[in-house]
Amino acid sequence: MKPNKTGAQGALSPRPEALHSGINQDEFPRLPDTGFVRLPKVLELIPVSETTWWDGVREGRFPPPVKLSARCAAWPVATIQLLIRQLSGTSSMG
């Protein structure tokens, strides 16, 4: 078990400006128009580790998944597109 890092909370999560450089809205064509995307696809689009993603979901920085079945979770495409816009600093829907 890894030791818990205390007092450096900002160091454990990505800074918004760090995410900006790795997110490109040109990636939208790689997403379906509607439906759901699974975690591997989300992590292709948003440059964070799986652990950081789940920490962000738990802390409210990233959206929670929709359970499609007992062992299958996914995110609505529209939710991920909105998150990418927010993280890249362009929240307009155009």
PDB file of N, CA and C in Angstrom:
ATOM      1  N   MET A   1       0.836  -1.180   0.000  1.00  0.00           N
ATOM      2  CA  MET A   1       0.000   0.000   0.000  1.00  0.00           C
ATOM      3  C   MET A   1       0.881   1.245   0.000  1.00  0.00           C
ATOM      4  N   LYS A   2       0.562   2.188  -0.857  1.00  0.00           N
ATOM      5  CA  LYS A   2       1.349   3.411  -0.949  1.00  0.00           C
ATOM      6  C   LYS A   2       1.030   4.327   0.223  1.00  0.00           C
ATOM      7  N   PRO A   3       2.038   5.060   0.712  1.00  0.00           N
ATOM      8  CA  PRO A   3       1.766   6.007   1.795  1.00  0.00           C
ATOM      9  C   PRO A   3       0.871   7.134   1.296  1.00  0.00           C
ATOM     10  N   ASN A   4       0.008   7.604   2.178  1.00  0.00           N
ATOM     11  CA  ASN A   4      -0.908   8.683   1.845  1.00  0.00           C
ATOM     12  C   ASN A   4      -0.169  10.016   1.880  1.00  0.00           C
ATOM     13  N   LYS A   5      -0.303  10.794   0.828  1.00  0.00           N
ATOM     14  CA  LYS A   5       0.318  12.115   0.781  1.00  0.00           C
ATOM     15  C   LYS A   5      -0.661  13.114   1.377  1.00  0.00           C
ATOM     16  N   THR A   6      -0.241  13.764   2.433  1.00  0.00           N
ATOM     17  CA  THR A   6      -1.114  14.753   3.054  1.00  0.00           C
ATOM     18  C   THR A   6      -0.549  16.141   2.855  1.00  0.00           C
ATOM     19  N   GLY A   7      -1.434  17.116   2.848  1.00  0.00           N
ATOM     20  CA  GLY A   7      -1.004  18.504   2.746  1.00  0.00           C
ATOM     21  C   GLY A   7      -0.643  18.954   1.347  1.00  0.00           C
ATOM     22  N   ALA A   8      -0.670  18.068   0.377  1.00  0.00           N
ATOM     23  CA  ALA A   8      -0.316  18.436  -0.995  1.00  0.00           C
ATOM     24  C   ALA A   8      -1.450  18.063  -1.930  1.00  0.00           C
ATOM     25  N   GLN A   9      -2.663  18.398  -1.539  1.00  0.00           N
ATOM     26  CA  GLN A   9      -3.824  17.991  -2.300  1.00  0.00           C
ATOM     27  C   GLN A   9      -3.755  18.461  -3.749  1.00  0.00           C
ATOM     28  N   GLY A  10      -3.278  19.681  -3.993  1.00  0.00           N
ATOM     29  CA  GLY A  10      -3.175  20.179  -5.352  1.00  0.00           C
ATOM     30  C   GLY A  10      -2.231  19.354  -6.206  1.00  0.00           C
ATOM     31  N   ALA A  11      -1.241  18.727  -5.585  1.00  0.00           N
ATOM     32  CA  ALA A  11      -0.281  17.929  -6.335  1.00  0.00           C
ATOM     33  C   ALA A  11      -0.876  16.597  -6.759  1.00  0.00           C
ATOM     34  N   LEU A  12      -1.949  16.167  -6.103  1.00  0.00           N
ATOM     35  CA  LEU A  12      -2.539  14.875  -6.413  1.00  0.00           C
ATOM     36  C   LEU A  12      -3.531  14.942  -7.559  1.00  0.00           C
ATOM     37  N   SER A  13      -4.056  16.109  -7.870  1.00  0.00           N
ATOM     38  CA  SER A  13      -5.028  16.231  -8.944  1.00  0.00           C
ATOM     39  C   SER A  13      -4.468  17.139 -10.031  1.00  0.00           C
ATOM     40  N   PRO A  14      -4.891  16.907 -11.277  1.00  0.00           N
ATOM     41  CA  PRO A  14      -4.354  17.728 -12.352  1.00  0.00           C
ATOM     42  C   PRO A  14      -4.857  19.155 -12.245  1.00  0.00           C
ATOM     43  N   ARG A  15      -3.987  20.101 -12.542  1.00  0.00           N
ATOM     44  CA  ARG A  15      -4.390  21.500 -12.576  1.00  0.00           C
ATOM     45  C   ARG A  15      -5.171  21.732 -13.861  1.00  0.00           C
ATOM     46  N   PRO A  16      -6.199  22.583 -13.827  1.00  0.00           N
ATOM     47  CA  PRO A  16      -6.956  22.844 -15.049  1.00  0.00           C
ATOM     48  C   PRO A  16      -6.074  23.264 -16.209  1.00  0.00           C
ATOM     49  N   GLU A  17      -5.047  24.089 -15.944  1.00  0.00           N
ATOM     50  CA  GLU A  17      -4.187  24.520 -17.049  1.00  0.00           C
ATOM     51  C   GLU A  17      -3.378  23.362 -17.622  1.00  0.00           C
ATOM     52  N   ALA A  18      -3.100  22.339 -16.808  1.00  0.00           N
ATOM     53  CA  ALA A  18      -2.394  21.161 -17.312  1.00  0.00           C
ATOM     54  C   ALA A  18      -3.303  20.365 -18.236  1.00  0.00           C
ATOM     55  N   LEU A  19      -4.581  20.312 -17.921  1.00  0.00           N
ATOM     56  CA  LEU A  19      -5.524  19.600 -18.775  1.00  0.00           C
ATOM     57  C   LEU A  19      -5.740  20.334 -20.087  1.00  0.00           C
ATOM     58  N   HIS A  20      -5.743  21.667 -20.056  1.00  0.00           N
ATOM     59  CA  HIS A  20      -5.992  22.448 -21.268  1.00  0.00           C
ATOM     60  C   HIS A  20      -5.041  22.063 -22.384  1.00  0.00           C
ATOM     61  N   SER A  21      -3.789  21.846 -22.059  1.00  0.00           N
ATOM     62  CA  SER A  21      -2.804  21.578 -23.099  1.00  0.00           C
ATOM     63  C   SER A  21      -3.000  20.218 -23.745  1.00  0.00           C
ATOM     64  N   GLY A  22      -3.640  19.290 -23.054  1.00  0.00           N
ATOM     65  CA  GLY A  22      -3.797  17.952 -23.605  1.00  0.00           C
ATOM     66  C   GLY A  22      -5.158  17.671 -24.204  1.00  0.00           C
ATOM     67  N   ILE A  23      -6.120  18.587 -24.072  1.00  0.00           N
ATOM     68  CA  ILE A  23      -7.469  18.366 -24.577  1.00  0.00           C
ATOM     69  C   ILE A  23      -7.653  19.148 -25.857  1.00  0.00           C
ATOM     70  N   ASN A  24      -8.188  18.474 -26.853  1.00  0.00           N
ATOM     71  CA  ASN A  24      -8.397  19.101 -28.140  1.00  0.00           C
ATOM     72  C   ASN A  24      -9.830  18.837 -28.571  1.00  0.00           C
ATOM     73  N   GLN A  25     -10.586  19.903 -28.802  1.00  0.00           N
ATOM     74  CA  GLN A  25     -11.966  19.721 -29.226  1.00  0.00           C
ATOM     75  C   GLN A  25     -12.058  19.100 -30.607  1.00  0.00           C
ATOM     76  N   ASP A  26     -10.959  19.054 -31.342  1.00  0.00           N
ATOM     77  CA  ASP A  26     -10.963  18.376 -32.635  1.00  0.00           C
ATOM     78  C   ASP A  26     -11.198  16.881 -32.470  1.00  0.00           C
ATOM     79  N   GLU A  27     -11.108  16.396 -31.230  1.00  0.00           N
ATOM     80  CA  GLU A  27     -11.342  14.985 -30.954  1.00  0.00           C
ATOM     81  C   GLU A  27     -12.822  14.630 -31.045  1.00  0.00           C
ATOM     82  N   PHE A  28     -13.719  15.625 -31.035  1.00  0.00           N
ATOM     83  CA  PHE A  28     -15.145  15.345 -31.073  1.00  0.00           C
ATOM     84  C   PHE A  28     -15.535  14.428 -32.233  1.00  0.00           C
ATOM     85  N   PRO A  29     -14.933  14.581 -33.433  1.00  0.00           N
ATOM     86  CA  PRO A  29     -15.317  13.667 -34.507  1.00  0.00           C
ATOM     87  C   PRO A  29     -15.078  12.193 -34.160  1.00  0.00           C
ATOM     88  N   ARG A  30     -14.195  11.918 -33.200  1.00  0.00           N
ATOM     89  CA  ARG A  30     -13.935  10.537 -32.808  1.00  0.00           C
ATOM     90  C   ARG A  30     -15.017   9.996 -31.890  1.00  0.00           C
ATOM     91  N   LEU A  31     -15.954  10.856 -31.461  1.00  0.00           N
ATOM     92  CA  LEU A  31     -17.051  10.434 -30.603  1.00  0.00           C
ATOM     93  C   LEU A  31     -18.307  10.226 -31.440  1.00  0.00           C
ATOM     94  N   PRO A  32     -19.152   9.276 -31.049  1.00  0.00           N
ATOM     95  CA  PRO A  32     -20.436   9.148 -31.737  1.00  0.00           C
ATOM     96  C   PRO A  32     -21.295  10.378 -31.451  1.00  0.00           C
ATOM     97  N   ASP A  33     -22.316  10.602 -32.267  1.00  0.00           N
ATOM     98  CA  ASP A  33     -23.194  11.752 -32.057  1.00  0.00           C
ATOM     99  C   ASP A  33     -24.032  11.595 -30.794  1.00  0.00           C
ATOM    100  N   THR A  34     -24.461  10.393 -30.523  1.00  0.00           N
ATOM    101  CA  THR A  34     -25.275  10.109 -29.341  1.00  0.00           C
ATOM    102  C   THR A  34     -24.797   8.809 -28.723  1.00  0.00           C
ATOM    103  N   GLY A  35     -25.339   8.494 -27.580  1.00  0.00           N
ATOM    104  CA  GLY A  35     -25.003   7.228 -26.939  1.00  0.00           C
ATOM    105  C   GLY A  35     -24.075   7.414 -25.759  1.00  0.00           C
ATOM    106  N   PHE A  36     -23.303   6.378 -25.499  1.00  0.00           N
ATOM    107  CA  PHE A  36     -22.431   6.337 -24.333  1.00  0.00           C
ATOM    108  C   PHE A  36     -21.011   5.983 -24.741  1.00  0.00           C
ATOM    109  N   VAL A  37     -20.060   6.413 -23.926  1.00  0.00           N
ATOM    110  CA  VAL A  37     -18.664   6.028 -24.130  1.00  0.00           C
ATOM    111  C   VAL A  37     -18.144   5.403 -22.848  1.00  0.00           C
ATOM    112  N   ARG A  38     -17.322   4.382 -23.026  1.00  0.00           N
ATOM    113  CA  ARG A  38     -16.739   3.682 -21.885  1.00  0.00           C
ATOM    114  C   ARG A  38     -15.453   4.382 -21.461  1.00  0.00           C
ATOM    115  N   LEU A  39     -14.937   4.005 -20.298  1.00  0.00           N
ATOM    116  CA  LEU A  39     -13.780   4.672 -19.707  1.00  0.00           C
ATOM    117  C   LEU A  39     -12.547   4.713 -20.618  1.00  0.00           C
ATOM    118  N   PRO A  40     -12.168   3.639 -21.302  1.00  0.00           N
ATOM    119  CA  PRO A  40     -10.964   3.745 -22.153  1.00  0.00           C
ATOM    120  C   PRO A  40     -11.057   4.877 -23.180  1.00  0.00           C
ATOM    121  N   LYS A  41     -12.231   5.080 -23.766  1.00  0.00           N
ATOM    122  CA  LYS A  41     -12.409   6.159 -24.739  1.00  0.00           C
ATOM    123  C   LYS A  41     -12.337   7.524 -24.052  1.00  0.00           C
ATOM    124  N   VAL A  42     -12.947   7.634 -22.863  1.00  0.00           N
ATOM    125  CA  VAL A  42     -12.890   8.890 -22.108  1.00  0.00           C
ATOM    126  C   VAL A  42     -11.439   9.259 -21.827  1.00  0.00           C
ATOM    127  N   LEU A  43     -10.646   8.272 -21.420  1.00  0.00           N
ATOM    128  CA  LEU A  43      -9.245   8.538 -21.070  1.00  0.00           C
ATOM    129  C   LEU A  43      -8.389   8.852 -22.299  1.00  0.00           C
ATOM    130  N   GLU A  44      -8.832   8.446 -23.493  1.00  0.00           N
ATOM    131  CA  GLU A  44      -8.146   8.864 -24.723  1.00  0.00           C
ATOM    132  C   GLU A  44      -8.337  10.364 -24.952  1.00  0.00           C
ATOM    133  N   LEU A  45      -9.493  10.866 -24.555  1.00  0.00           N
ATOM    134  CA  LEU A  45      -9.857  12.254 -24.827  1.00  0.00           C
ATOM    135  C   LEU A  45      -9.444  13.221 -23.731  1.00  0.00           C
ATOM    136  N   ILE A  46      -9.401  12.733 -22.498  1.00  0.00           N
ATOM    137  CA  ILE A  46      -9.062  13.576 -21.348  1.00  0.00           C
ATOM    138  C   ILE A  46      -7.790  13.005 -20.731  1.00  0.00           C
ATOM    139  N   PRO A  47      -6.685  13.727 -20.810  1.00  0.00           N
ATOM    140  CA  PRO A  47      -5.370  13.180 -20.452  1.00  0.00           C
ATOM    141  C   PRO A  47      -5.123  13.063 -18.947  1.00  0.00           C
ATOM    142  N   VAL A  48      -5.807  12.101 -18.327  1.00  0.00           N
ATOM    143  CA  VAL A  48      -5.572  11.794 -16.918  1.00  0.00           C
ATOM    144  C   VAL A  48      -5.476  10.286 -16.777  1.00  0.00           C
ATOM    145  N   SER A  49      -4.906   9.844 -15.679  1.00  0.00           N
ATOM    146  CA  SER A  49      -4.833   8.407 -15.425  1.00  0.00           C
ATOM    147  C   SER A  49      -6.194   7.907 -14.953  1.00  0.00           C
ATOM    148  N   GLU A  50      -6.371   6.605 -14.994  1.00  0.00           N
ATOM    149  CA  GLU A  50      -7.621   6.010 -14.524  1.00  0.00           C
ATOM    150  C   GLU A  50      -7.859   6.336 -13.049  1.00  0.00           C
ATOM    151  N   THR A  51      -6.807   6.266 -12.248  1.00  0.00           N
ATOM    152  CA  THR A  51      -6.933   6.585 -10.823  1.00  0.00           C
ATOM    153  C   THR A  51      -7.353   8.036 -10.622  1.00  0.00           C
ATOM    154  N   THR A  52      -6.734   8.958 -11.351  1.00  0.00           N
ATOM    155  CA  THR A  52      -7.091  10.367 -11.245  1.00  0.00           C
ATOM    156  C   THR A  52      -8.533  10.588 -11.683  1.00  0.00           C
ATOM    157  N   TRP A  53      -8.954   9.882 -12.740  1.00  0.00           N
ATOM    158  CA  TRP A  53     -10.338  10.015 -13.207  1.00  0.00           C
ATOM    159  C   TRP A  53     -11.319   9.606 -12.106  1.00  0.00           C
ATOM    160  N   TRP A  54     -11.111   8.423 -11.525  1.00  0.00           N
ATOM    161  CA  TRP A  54     -12.044   7.946 -10.496  1.00  0.00           C
ATOM    162  C   TRP A  54     -11.984   8.811  -9.242  1.00  0.00           C
ATOM    163  N   ASP A  55     -10.811   9.322  -8.894  1.00  0.00           N
ATOM    164  CA  ASP A  55     -10.717  10.275  -7.777  1.00  0.00           C
ATOM    165  C   ASP A  55     -11.547  11.522  -8.095  1.00  0.00           C
ATOM    166  N   GLY A  56     -11.452  11.995  -9.330  1.00  0.00           N
ATOM    167  CA  GLY A  56     -12.210  13.170  -9.749  1.00  0.00           C
ATOM    168  C   GLY A  56     -13.712  12.932  -9.737  1.00  0.00           C
ATOM    169  N   VAL A  57     -14.132  11.737 -10.116  1.00  0.00           N
ATOM    170  CA  VAL A  57     -15.557  11.392 -10.051  1.00  0.00           C
ATOM    171  C   VAL A  57     -16.014  11.424  -8.595  1.00  0.00           C
ATOM    172  N   ARG A  58     -15.232  10.801  -7.737  1.00  0.00           N
ATOM    173  CA  ARG A  58     -15.586  10.741  -6.316  1.00  0.00           C
ATOM    174  C   ARG A  58     -15.626  12.136  -5.686  1.00  0.00           C
ATOM    175  N   GLU A  59     -14.723  13.025  -6.111  1.00  0.00           N
ATOM    176  CA  GLU A  59     -14.637  14.377  -5.552  1.00  0.00           C
ATOM    177  C   GLU A  59     -15.556  15.375  -6.259  1.00  0.00           C
ATOM    178  N   GLY A  60     -16.220  14.961  -7.329  1.00  0.00           N
ATOM    179  CA  GLY A  60     -17.136  15.842  -8.040  1.00  0.00           C
ATOM    180  C   GLY A  60     -16.506  16.686  -9.127  1.00  0.00           C
ATOM    181  N   ARG A  61     -15.236  16.455  -9.456  1.00  0.00           N
ATOM    182  CA  ARG A  61     -14.571  17.211 -10.531  1.00  0.00           C
ATOM    183  C   ARG A  61     -14.940  16.667 -11.902  1.00  0.00           C
ATOM    184  N   PHE A  62     -15.242  15.384 -11.984  1.00  0.00           N
ATOM    185  CA  PHE A  62     -15.645  14.737 -13.225  1.00  0.00           C
ATOM    186  C   PHE A  62     -17.019  14.115 -13.025  1.00  0.00           C
ATOM    187  N   PRO A  63     -17.800  13.951 -14.095  1.00  0.00           N
ATOM    188  CA  PRO A  63     -19.164  13.437 -13.951  1.00  0.00           C
ATOM    189  C   PRO A  63     -19.189  11.953 -13.585  1.00  0.00           C
ATOM    190  N   PRO A  64     -20.205  11.543 -12.830  1.00  0.00           N
ATOM    191  CA  PRO A  64     -20.331  10.126 -12.500  1.00  0.00           C
ATOM    192  C   PRO A  64     -20.825   9.338 -13.714  1.00  0.00           C
ATOM    193  N   PRO A  65     -20.526   8.055 -13.752  1.00  0.00           N
ATOM    194  CA  PRO A  65     -20.985   7.239 -14.872  1.00  0.00           C
ATOM    195  C   PRO A  65     -22.453   6.855 -14.716  1.00  0.00           C
ATOM    196  N   VAL A  66     -23.007   6.362 -15.806  1.00  0.00           N
ATOM    197  CA  VAL A  66     -24.335   5.760 -15.819  1.00  0.00           C
ATOM    198  C   VAL A  66     -24.113   4.258 -15.837  1.00  0.00           C
ATOM    199  N   LYS A  67     -24.763   3.545 -14.937  1.00  0.00           N
ATOM    200  CA  LYS A  67     -24.634   2.088 -14.912  1.00  0.00           C
ATOM    201  C   LYS A  67     -25.541   1.503 -15.994  1.00  0.00           C
ATOM    202  N   LEU A  68     -24.944   0.855 -16.986  1.00  0.00           N
ATOM    203  CA  LEU A  68     -25.717   0.223 -18.051  1.00  0.00           C
ATOM    204  C   LEU A  68     -26.118  -1.198 -17.675  1.00  0.00           C
ATOM    205  N   SER A  69     -25.332  -1.804 -16.800  1.00  0.00           N
ATOM    206  CA  SER A  69     -25.642  -3.124 -16.246  1.00  0.00           C
ATOM    207  C   SER A  69     -24.845  -3.256 -14.953  1.00  0.00           C
ATOM    208  N   ALA A  70     -24.917  -4.408 -14.332  1.00  0.00           N
ATOM    209  CA  ALA A  70     -24.227  -4.602 -13.054  1.00  0.00           C
ATOM    210  C   ALA A  70     -22.721  -4.367 -13.164  1.00  0.00           C
ATOM    211  N   ARG A  71     -22.136  -4.700 -14.315  1.00  0.00           N
ATOM    212  CA  ARG A  71     -20.685  -4.577 -14.471  1.00  0.00           C
ATOM    213  C   ARG A  71     -20.270  -3.636 -15.592  1.00  0.00           C
ATOM    214  N   CYS A  72     -21.183  -2.789 -16.026  1.00  0.00           N
ATOM    215  CA  CYS A  72     -20.886  -1.911 -17.160  1.00  0.00           C
ATOM    216  C   CYS A  72     -21.292  -0.477 -16.838  1.00  0.00           C
ATOM    217  N   ALA A  73     -20.306   0.412 -16.827  1.00  0.00           N
ATOM    218  CA  ALA A  73     -20.554   1.837 -16.593  1.00  0.00           C
ATOM    219  C   ALA A  73     -20.060   2.619 -17.807  1.00  0.00           C
ATOM    220  N   ALA A  74     -20.762   3.691 -18.129  1.00  0.00           N
ATOM    221  CA  ALA A  74     -20.379   4.524 -19.265  1.00  0.00           C
ATOM    222  C   ALA A  74     -20.862   5.946 -19.017  1.00  0.00           C
ATOM    223  N   TRP A  75     -20.424   6.845 -19.875  1.00  0.00           N
ATOM    224  CA  TRP A  75     -20.789   8.252 -19.766  1.00  0.00           C
ATOM    225  C   TRP A  75     -21.515   8.665 -21.031  1.00  0.00           C
ATOM    226  N   PRO A  76     -22.591   9.462 -20.896  1.00  0.00           N
ATOM    227  CA  PRO A  76     -23.252   9.983 -22.097  1.00  0.00           C
ATOM    228  C   PRO A  76     -22.276  10.831 -22.912  1.00  0.00           C
ATOM    229  N   VAL A  77     -22.324  10.677 -24.217  1.00  0.00           N
ATOM    230  CA  VAL A  77     -21.435  11.435 -25.103  1.00  0.00           C
ATOM    231  C   VAL A  77     -21.568  12.931 -24.841  1.00  0.00           C
ATOM    232  N   ALA A  78     -22.790  13.420 -24.696  1.00  0.00           N
ATOM    233  CA  ALA A  78     -22.999  14.854 -24.472  1.00  0.00           C
ATOM    234  C   ALA A  78     -22.313  15.330 -23.193  1.00  0.00           C
ATOM    235  N   THR A  79     -22.298  14.502 -22.164  1.00  0.00           N
ATOM    236  CA  THR A  79     -21.647  14.859 -20.902  1.00  0.00           C
ATOM    237  C   THR A  79     -20.145  14.994 -21.089  1.00  0.00           C
ATOM    238  N   ILE A  80     -19.546  14.073 -21.829  1.00  0.00           N
ATOM    239  CA  ILE A  80     -18.098  14.118 -22.068  1.00  0.00           C
ATOM    240  C   ILE A  80     -17.750  15.301 -22.970  1.00  0.00           C
ATOM    241  N   GLN A  81     -18.574  15.571 -23.980  1.00  0.00           N
ATOM    242  CA  GLN A  81     -18.323  16.730 -24.842  1.00  0.00           C
ATOM    243  C   GLN A  81     -18.370  18.027 -24.038  1.00  0.00           C
ATOM    244  N   LEU A  82     -19.341  18.151 -23.139  1.00  0.00           N
ATOM    245  CA  LEU A  82     -19.437  19.340 -22.295  1.00  0.00           C
ATOM    246  C   LEU A  82     -18.223  19.451 -21.377  1.00  0.00           C
ATOM    247  N   LEU A  83     -17.800  18.341 -20.795  1.00  0.00           N
ATOM    248  CA  LEU A  83     -16.622  18.352 -19.928  1.00  0.00           C
ATOM    249  C   LEU A  83     -15.385  18.802 -20.698  1.00  0.00           C
ATOM    250  N   ILE A  84     -15.221  18.310 -21.911  1.00  0.00           N
ATOM    251  CA  ILE A  84     -14.069  18.705 -22.732  1.00  0.00           C
ATOM    252  C   ILE A  84     -14.117  20.204 -23.008  1.00  0.00           C
ATOM    253  N   ARG A  85     -15.299  20.716 -23.327  1.00  0.00           N
ATOM    254  CA  ARG A  85     -15.430  22.165 -23.556  1.00  0.00           C
ATOM    255  C   ARG A  85     -15.056  22.953 -22.305  1.00  0.00           C
ATOM    256  N   GLN A  86     -15.545  22.497 -21.153  1.00  0.00           N
ATOM    257  CA  GLN A  86     -15.255  23.195 -19.898  1.00  0.00           C
ATOM    258  C   GLN A  86     -13.767  23.155 -19.575  1.00  0.00           C
ATOM    259  N   LEU A  87     -13.142  22.001 -19.739  1.00  0.00           N
ATOM    260  CA  LEU A  87     -11.725  21.865 -19.415  1.00  0.00           C
ATOM    261  C   LEU A  87     -10.836  22.627 -20.390  1.00  0.00           C
ATOM    262  N   SER A  88     -11.305  22.774 -21.628  1.00  0.00           N
ATOM    263  CA  SER A  88     -10.499  23.498 -22.612  1.00  0.00           C
ATOM    264  C   SER A  88     -10.787  24.992 -22.583  1.00  0.00           C
ATOM    265  N   GLY A  89     -11.730  25.406 -21.733  1.00  0.00           N
ATOM    266  CA  GLY A  89     -11.992  26.828 -21.559  1.00  0.00           C
ATOM    267  C   GLY A  89     -13.002  27.417 -22.510  1.00  0.00           C
ATOM    268  N   THR A  90     -13.688  26.581 -23.294  1.00  0.00           N
ATOM    269  CA  THR A  90     -14.722  27.079 -24.196  1.00  0.00           C
ATOM    270  C   THR A  90     -16.023  26.384 -23.858  1.00  0.00           C
ATOM    271  N   SER A  91     -16.872  27.049 -23.100  1.00  0.00           N
ATOM    272  CA  SER A  91     -18.109  26.423 -22.649  1.00  0.00           C
ATOM    273  C   SER A  91     -19.283  26.677 -23.578  1.00  0.00           C
ATOM    274  N   SER A  92     -19.075  27.388 -24.689  1.00  0.00           N
ATOM    275  CA  SER A  92     -20.180  27.635 -25.617  1.00  0.00           C
ATOM    276  C   SER A  92     -20.531  26.355 -26.355  1.00  0.00           C
ATOM    277  N   MET A  93     -21.754  26.245 -26.765  1.00  0.00           N
ATOM    278  CA  MET A  93     -22.233  25.036 -27.418  1.00  0.00           C
ATOM    279  C   MET A  93     -22.162  25.164 -28.936  1.00  0.00           C
ATOM    280  N   GLY A  94     -21.183  25.851 -29.497  1.00  0.00           N
ATOM    281  CA  GLY A  94     -21.142  26.056 -30.937  1.00  0.00           C
ATOM    282  C   GLY A  94     -20.129  25.283 -31.655  1.00  0.00           C
TER     283      GLY A  94
END
